[in-house]
Amino acid sequence: MNLETWLSMGGYGAYVWSAYGITFIVFILNIGLIFREMRKIKKTIKQFLVDEV
């Protein structure tokens, strides 16, 4: 079995690899959004604590 045959996956390669790609992109976006939200929450908490003092 050569690489081209393996990548084509019996004619379904375009579907399979695009599904993997979309899943990977969504996964990375979710991680990025989580970290962005964490930064916003930390900033809000820090501002709340500064205002309380």
C-alpha atoms as a PDB file:
ATOM      1  CA  MET A   1       0.000   0.000   0.000  1.00  0.00           C
ATOM      2  CA  ASN A   2       1.482   3.336  -1.009  1.00  0.00           C
ATOM      3  CA  LEU A   3       0.815   6.765   0.477  1.00  0.00           C
ATOM      4  CA  GLU A   4      -1.474   7.912  -2.340  1.00  0.00           C
ATOM      5  CA  THR A   5      -3.734   4.885  -1.933  1.00  0.00           C
ATOM      6  CA  TRP A   6      -3.855   5.356   1.810  1.00  0.00           C
ATOM      7  CA  LEU A   7      -4.678   9.089   1.512  1.00  0.00           C
ATOM      8  CA  SER A   8      -7.440   8.485  -1.049  1.00  0.00           C
ATOM      9  CA  MET A   9      -9.131   6.027   1.346  1.00  0.00           C
ATOM     10  CA  GLY A  10     -11.015   4.188  -1.337  1.00  0.00           C
ATOM     11  CA  GLY A  11     -12.343   7.373  -2.941  1.00  0.00           C
ATOM     12  CA  TYR A  12     -13.572   8.888   0.331  1.00  0.00           C
ATOM     13  CA  GLY A  13     -10.330  10.667   1.179  1.00  0.00           C
ATOM     14  CA  ALA A  14     -11.610  14.166   0.395  1.00  0.00           C
ATOM     15  CA  TYR A  15     -14.545  13.695   2.789  1.00  0.00           C
ATOM     16  CA  VAL A  16     -12.485  12.044   5.511  1.00  0.00           C
ATOM     17  CA  TRP A  17      -9.598  14.526   5.472  1.00  0.00           C
ATOM     18  CA  SER A  18     -11.888  17.550   5.286  1.00  0.00           C
ATOM     19  CA  ALA A  19     -13.837  16.188   8.275  1.00  0.00           C
ATOM     20  CA  TYR A  20     -10.569  15.782  10.198  1.00  0.00           C
ATOM     21  CA  GLY A  21      -9.538  19.320   9.210  1.00  0.00           C
ATOM     22  CA  ILE A  22     -12.831  20.900  10.262  1.00  0.00           C
ATOM     23  CA  THR A  23     -12.753  18.991  13.556  1.00  0.00           C
ATOM     24  CA  PHE A  24      -9.194  20.160  14.229  1.00  0.00           C
ATOM     25  CA  ILE A  25     -10.098  23.797  13.464  1.00  0.00           C
ATOM     26  CA  VAL A  26     -13.154  23.690  15.739  1.00  0.00           C
ATOM     27  CA  PHE A  27     -11.079  22.077  18.497  1.00  0.00           C
ATOM     28  CA  ILE A  28      -8.411  24.796  18.285  1.00  0.00           C
ATOM     29  CA  LEU A  29     -11.062  27.551  18.198  1.00  0.00           C
ATOM     30  CA  ASN A  30     -12.736  26.130  21.305  1.00  0.00           C
ATOM     31  CA  ILE A  31      -9.450  26.113  23.193  1.00  0.00           C
ATOM     32  CA  GLY A  32      -8.734  29.686  22.086  1.00  0.00           C
ATOM     33  CA  LEU A  33     -12.172  30.877  23.126  1.00  0.00           C
ATOM     34  CA  ILE A  34     -11.808  29.228  26.529  1.00  0.00           C
ATOM     35  CA  PHE A  35      -8.523  31.038  27.183  1.00  0.00           C
ATOM     36  CA  ARG A  36      -9.983  34.340  25.978  1.00  0.00           C
ATOM     37  CA  GLU A  37     -12.952  33.949  28.297  1.00  0.00           C
ATOM     38  CA  MET A  38     -10.657  33.044  31.198  1.00  0.00           C
ATOM     39  CA  ARG A  39      -8.676  36.261  30.628  1.00  0.00           C
ATOM     40  CA  LYS A  40     -11.896  38.306  30.632  1.00  0.00           C
ATOM     41  CA  ILE A  41     -13.087  36.656  33.842  1.00  0.00           C
ATOM     42  CA  LYS A  42      -9.724  37.228  35.566  1.00  0.00           C
ATOM     43  CA  LYS A  43      -9.777  40.865  34.476  1.00  0.00           C
ATOM     44  CA  THR A  44     -13.326  41.276  35.828  1.00  0.00           C
ATOM     45  CA  ILE A  45     -12.409  39.671  39.151  1.00  0.00           C
ATOM     46  CA  LYS A  46      -9.268  41.783  39.443  1.00  0.00           C
ATOM     47  CA  GLN A  47     -11.266  44.964  38.734  1.00  0.00           C
ATOM     48  CA  PHE A  48     -13.899  43.932  41.269  1.00  0.00           C
ATOM     49  CA  LEU A  49     -11.240  43.387  43.940  1.00  0.00           C
ATOM     50  CA  VAL A  50      -9.589  46.748  43.202  1.00  0.00           C
ATOM     51  CA  ASP A  51     -12.945  48.537  43.456  1.00  0.00           C
ATOM     52  CA  GLU A  52     -13.710  46.847  46.777  1.00  0.00           C
ATOM     53  CA  VAL A  53     -10.492  48.070  48.443  1.00  0.00           C
END
